N, C-alpha and C. Protein backbone atom coordinates (compact mmCIF):
# COMPACT_ATOMS: atom_id res chain seq x y z
N MET A 1 -1.40 22.87 -4.45
CA MET A 1 -2.61 22.83 -5.23
C MET A 1 -3.45 24.06 -4.92
N PRO A 2 -4.01 24.72 -5.98
CA PRO A 2 -4.76 25.95 -5.72
C PRO A 2 -6.08 25.69 -5.02
N VAL A 3 -6.43 26.61 -4.16
CA VAL A 3 -7.67 26.50 -3.40
C VAL A 3 -8.45 27.80 -3.60
N PRO A 4 -9.80 27.74 -3.76
CA PRO A 4 -10.56 28.97 -3.93
C PRO A 4 -10.45 29.88 -2.70
N LYS A 5 -10.40 31.20 -2.97
CA LYS A 5 -10.23 32.14 -1.88
C LYS A 5 -11.54 32.32 -1.11
N ARG A 6 -12.67 32.24 -1.82
CA ARG A 6 -13.97 32.45 -1.18
C ARG A 6 -14.93 31.31 -1.56
N LYS A 7 -15.96 31.18 -0.74
CA LYS A 7 -16.99 30.17 -1.01
C LYS A 7 -17.83 30.64 -2.20
N THR A 8 -18.17 29.71 -3.10
CA THR A 8 -19.04 30.03 -4.24
C THR A 8 -20.47 30.16 -3.73
N SER A 9 -21.10 31.28 -4.08
CA SER A 9 -22.46 31.52 -3.60
C SER A 9 -23.45 30.56 -4.28
N LYS A 10 -24.61 30.41 -3.65
CA LYS A 10 -25.64 29.51 -4.21
C LYS A 10 -26.10 30.01 -5.57
N ALA A 11 -26.24 31.31 -5.73
CA ALA A 11 -26.71 31.87 -6.99
C ALA A 11 -25.71 31.57 -8.11
N ARG A 12 -24.42 31.77 -7.84
CA ARG A 12 -23.40 31.53 -8.85
C ARG A 12 -23.32 30.03 -9.18
N ARG A 13 -23.43 29.21 -8.15
CA ARG A 13 -23.38 27.76 -8.35
C ARG A 13 -24.56 27.28 -9.19
N ASP A 14 -25.76 27.80 -8.88
CA ASP A 14 -26.96 27.34 -9.56
C ASP A 14 -27.08 27.88 -10.99
N LYS A 15 -26.39 28.95 -11.32
CA LYS A 15 -26.40 29.47 -12.69
C LYS A 15 -25.82 28.45 -13.66
N ARG A 16 -24.85 27.69 -13.21
CA ARG A 16 -24.21 26.69 -14.09
C ARG A 16 -25.19 25.62 -14.51
N ALA A 17 -26.13 25.26 -13.66
CA ALA A 17 -27.08 24.19 -13.96
C ALA A 17 -28.34 24.71 -14.65
N ALA A 18 -28.44 26.02 -14.87
CA ALA A 18 -29.67 26.59 -15.40
C ALA A 18 -29.96 26.11 -16.82
N GLY A 19 -28.95 25.89 -17.63
CA GLY A 19 -29.17 25.50 -19.02
C GLY A 19 -29.21 24.01 -19.25
N LYS A 20 -29.22 23.21 -18.21
CA LYS A 20 -29.14 21.75 -18.35
C LYS A 20 -30.49 21.05 -18.22
N LYS A 21 -31.57 21.78 -18.39
CA LYS A 21 -32.88 21.16 -18.22
C LYS A 21 -33.19 20.25 -19.41
N GLU A 22 -34.07 19.29 -19.19
CA GLU A 22 -34.49 18.38 -20.25
C GLU A 22 -35.65 19.01 -21.00
N THR A 23 -35.64 18.84 -22.32
CA THR A 23 -36.73 19.37 -23.13
C THR A 23 -37.59 18.22 -23.63
N VAL A 24 -38.86 18.50 -23.82
CA VAL A 24 -39.80 17.50 -24.30
C VAL A 24 -39.73 17.48 -25.83
N VAL A 25 -39.54 16.30 -26.41
CA VAL A 25 -39.48 16.16 -27.85
C VAL A 25 -40.90 15.97 -28.38
N ILE A 26 -41.30 16.84 -29.29
CA ILE A 26 -42.63 16.76 -29.86
C ILE A 26 -42.55 15.93 -31.14
N ILE A 27 -43.34 14.89 -31.22
CA ILE A 27 -43.36 14.03 -32.39
C ILE A 27 -44.71 14.16 -33.06
N SER A 28 -44.69 14.47 -34.35
CA SER A 28 -45.94 14.57 -35.10
C SER A 28 -46.02 13.40 -36.07
N ARG A 29 -47.08 13.37 -36.86
CA ARG A 29 -47.30 12.29 -37.82
C ARG A 29 -47.16 12.83 -39.23
N CYS A 30 -46.63 12.01 -40.13
CA CYS A 30 -46.52 12.38 -41.54
C CYS A 30 -47.93 12.43 -42.14
N GLN A 31 -48.19 13.43 -42.97
CA GLN A 31 -49.51 13.57 -43.59
C GLN A 31 -49.78 12.45 -44.60
N THR A 32 -48.71 11.93 -45.21
CA THR A 32 -48.87 10.94 -46.27
C THR A 32 -48.96 9.52 -45.74
N CYS A 33 -47.99 9.14 -44.87
CA CYS A 33 -47.92 7.73 -44.45
C CYS A 33 -48.17 7.51 -42.96
N ASN A 34 -48.43 8.56 -42.20
CA ASN A 34 -48.69 8.49 -40.75
C ASN A 34 -47.52 7.92 -39.95
N ALA A 35 -46.31 8.01 -40.46
CA ALA A 35 -45.13 7.58 -39.70
C ALA A 35 -44.76 8.69 -38.71
N PRO A 36 -44.19 8.35 -37.55
CA PRO A 36 -43.77 9.39 -36.61
C PRO A 36 -42.59 10.20 -37.17
N VAL A 37 -42.72 11.53 -37.12
CA VAL A 37 -41.72 12.43 -37.70
C VAL A 37 -41.51 13.60 -36.77
N LEU A 38 -40.28 14.10 -36.69
CA LEU A 38 -40.02 15.33 -35.96
C LEU A 38 -40.62 16.50 -36.75
N PRO A 39 -41.09 17.55 -36.07
CA PRO A 39 -41.69 18.66 -36.80
C PRO A 39 -40.66 19.37 -37.68
N HIS A 40 -41.11 19.86 -38.84
CA HIS A 40 -40.29 20.57 -39.82
C HIS A 40 -39.17 19.70 -40.37
N GLN A 41 -39.41 18.40 -40.49
CA GLN A 41 -38.43 17.47 -41.04
C GLN A 41 -39.09 16.66 -42.16
N VAL A 42 -38.28 16.23 -43.11
CA VAL A 42 -38.78 15.36 -44.19
C VAL A 42 -38.98 13.97 -43.62
N CYS A 43 -40.08 13.31 -44.00
CA CYS A 43 -40.36 11.95 -43.54
C CYS A 43 -39.35 10.99 -44.18
N LYS A 44 -38.68 10.19 -43.38
CA LYS A 44 -37.68 9.27 -43.89
C LYS A 44 -38.32 8.02 -44.48
N GLU A 45 -39.58 7.76 -44.16
CA GLU A 45 -40.26 6.58 -44.69
C GLU A 45 -40.72 6.80 -46.13
N CYS A 46 -41.38 7.94 -46.38
CA CYS A 46 -41.95 8.15 -47.72
C CYS A 46 -41.30 9.31 -48.47
N GLY A 47 -40.51 10.16 -47.81
CA GLY A 47 -39.81 11.26 -48.48
C GLY A 47 -40.67 12.48 -48.73
N HIS A 48 -41.79 12.61 -48.05
CA HIS A 48 -42.69 13.75 -48.23
C HIS A 48 -42.49 14.79 -47.14
N TYR A 49 -42.73 16.07 -47.49
CA TYR A 49 -42.74 17.16 -46.52
C TYR A 49 -43.92 18.05 -46.88
N LYS A 50 -44.86 18.21 -45.97
CA LYS A 50 -46.08 18.97 -46.19
C LYS A 50 -46.82 18.49 -47.44
N GLY A 51 -46.84 17.16 -47.65
CA GLY A 51 -47.59 16.59 -48.75
C GLY A 51 -46.89 16.63 -50.10
N ILE A 52 -45.64 17.12 -50.16
CA ILE A 52 -44.89 17.21 -51.41
C ILE A 52 -43.71 16.24 -51.36
N LYS A 53 -43.50 15.48 -52.43
CA LYS A 53 -42.38 14.54 -52.49
C LYS A 53 -41.08 15.34 -52.62
N ILE A 54 -40.17 15.15 -51.66
CA ILE A 54 -38.93 15.92 -51.62
C ILE A 54 -37.73 15.05 -51.98
N ILE A 55 -37.63 13.86 -51.38
CA ILE A 55 -36.45 13.02 -51.61
C ILE A 55 -36.87 11.62 -52.06
N ARG A 56 -35.96 10.94 -52.75
CA ARG A 56 -36.17 9.54 -53.11
C ARG A 56 -35.73 8.69 -51.93
N THR A 57 -36.58 7.76 -51.53
CA THR A 57 -36.25 6.91 -50.39
C THR A 57 -35.72 5.57 -50.88
N LYS A 58 -35.29 4.74 -49.95
CA LYS A 58 -34.75 3.43 -50.27
C LYS A 58 -35.79 2.57 -50.97
N THR A 59 -37.03 2.63 -50.51
CA THR A 59 -38.08 1.83 -51.13
C THR A 59 -38.36 2.29 -52.56
N ASP A 60 -38.25 3.60 -52.82
CA ASP A 60 -38.43 4.11 -54.19
C ASP A 60 -37.35 3.54 -55.11
N ARG A 61 -36.12 3.54 -54.65
CA ARG A 61 -35.02 3.02 -55.47
C ARG A 61 -35.18 1.53 -55.72
N MET A 62 -35.63 0.77 -54.70
CA MET A 62 -35.85 -0.67 -54.88
C MET A 62 -36.95 -0.91 -55.90
N TYR A 63 -38.02 -0.13 -55.84
CA TYR A 63 -39.13 -0.27 -56.78
C TYR A 63 -38.66 0.00 -58.21
N GLU A 64 -37.87 1.07 -58.39
CA GLU A 64 -37.37 1.40 -59.72
C GLU A 64 -36.45 0.31 -60.27
N ARG A 65 -35.60 -0.26 -59.40
CA ARG A 65 -34.72 -1.35 -59.84
C ARG A 65 -35.52 -2.56 -60.29
N ASN A 66 -36.56 -2.91 -59.55
CA ASN A 66 -37.39 -4.05 -59.92
C ASN A 66 -38.10 -3.80 -61.25
N GLN A 67 -38.58 -2.58 -61.46
CA GLN A 67 -39.23 -2.24 -62.72
C GLN A 67 -38.25 -2.38 -63.88
N ALA A 68 -37.02 -1.92 -63.69
CA ALA A 68 -36.00 -2.01 -64.74
C ALA A 68 -35.65 -3.47 -65.02
N ARG A 69 -35.55 -4.29 -63.96
CA ARG A 69 -35.25 -5.71 -64.14
C ARG A 69 -36.33 -6.42 -64.93
N GLN A 70 -37.60 -6.14 -64.60
CA GLN A 70 -38.71 -6.77 -65.30
C GLN A 70 -38.75 -6.35 -66.77
N ALA A 71 -38.47 -5.09 -67.05
CA ALA A 71 -38.44 -4.62 -68.44
C ALA A 71 -37.32 -5.30 -69.21
N LYS A 72 -36.18 -5.46 -68.56
CA LYS A 72 -35.04 -6.12 -69.20
C LYS A 72 -35.36 -7.59 -69.48
N GLN A 73 -36.03 -8.26 -68.55
CA GLN A 73 -36.39 -9.66 -68.76
C GLN A 73 -37.38 -9.81 -69.90
N LYS A 74 -38.34 -8.87 -70.01
CA LYS A 74 -39.30 -8.92 -71.11
C LYS A 74 -38.60 -8.70 -72.45
N ALA A 75 -37.59 -7.82 -72.46
CA ALA A 75 -36.87 -7.54 -73.70
C ALA A 75 -36.03 -8.75 -74.13
N ASN A 76 -35.52 -9.51 -73.17
CA ASN A 76 -34.67 -10.66 -73.47
C ASN A 76 -35.46 -11.95 -73.65
N ALA A 77 -36.77 -11.91 -73.49
CA ALA A 77 -37.60 -13.12 -73.62
C ALA A 77 -37.60 -13.57 -75.08
N PRO A 78 -37.56 -14.88 -75.32
CA PRO A 78 -37.55 -15.36 -76.70
C PRO A 78 -38.88 -15.05 -77.40
N VAL A 79 -38.75 -14.68 -78.66
CA VAL A 79 -39.93 -14.35 -79.45
C VAL A 79 -40.25 -15.55 -80.33
N GLY A 80 -41.51 -15.87 -80.47
CA GLY A 80 -41.90 -17.01 -81.29
C GLY A 80 -42.93 -17.83 -80.57
N LYS A 81 -42.89 -19.15 -80.81
CA LYS A 81 -43.89 -19.98 -80.17
C LYS A 81 -43.59 -20.15 -78.68
N PRO A 82 -44.62 -20.17 -77.88
CA PRO A 82 -44.41 -20.29 -76.43
C PRO A 82 -43.90 -21.69 -76.08
N MET A 83 -43.30 -21.79 -74.90
CA MET A 83 -42.78 -23.09 -74.45
C MET A 83 -43.94 -24.05 -74.23
N GLU A 84 -43.69 -25.33 -74.50
CA GLU A 84 -44.73 -26.34 -74.34
C GLU A 84 -44.96 -26.62 -72.86
N GLN A 85 -46.20 -26.77 -72.51
CA GLN A 85 -46.56 -27.11 -71.14
C GLN A 85 -46.51 -28.62 -70.99
N PRO A 86 -46.01 -29.14 -69.87
CA PRO A 86 -45.99 -30.59 -69.69
C PRO A 86 -47.41 -31.12 -69.59
N ALA A 87 -47.65 -32.28 -70.23
CA ALA A 87 -48.98 -32.88 -70.21
C ALA A 87 -49.26 -33.44 -68.83
N GLU A 88 -50.51 -33.42 -68.44
CA GLU A 88 -50.87 -33.95 -67.13
C GLU A 88 -50.79 -35.46 -67.18
N GLN A 89 -50.26 -36.01 -66.12
CA GLN A 89 -50.12 -37.46 -66.05
C GLN A 89 -51.39 -38.07 -65.49
N ALA A 90 -51.65 -39.32 -65.92
CA ALA A 90 -52.82 -40.03 -65.41
C ALA A 90 -52.57 -40.42 -63.96
N PRO A 91 -53.60 -40.43 -63.12
CA PRO A 91 -53.40 -40.80 -61.71
C PRO A 91 -52.97 -42.25 -61.59
N LYS A 92 -52.05 -42.50 -60.68
CA LYS A 92 -51.57 -43.88 -60.45
C LYS A 92 -52.58 -44.66 -59.63
N LYS A 93 -52.66 -45.96 -59.97
CA LYS A 93 -53.62 -46.81 -59.24
C LYS A 93 -52.91 -47.70 -58.28
């Protein structure tokens, strides 16, 4: 099995660990919805970047689907006289 010919100096040994420091993650707030966001990133909650809408989010798509469903239900609603309301019953004694 190979063995090193010389002892590794402290300077050479410590150079390997020089790039392994931990960095502090800076978290800012979205201007639109105040959700925590990494700097220079699009907000995943509302889809805004610097106050401008950039992407459609999941909630946007859900809202659009509900609007389309309601419009479709209104279009399919029967036209004519409205359904009769049940008459109120007299209280039991």
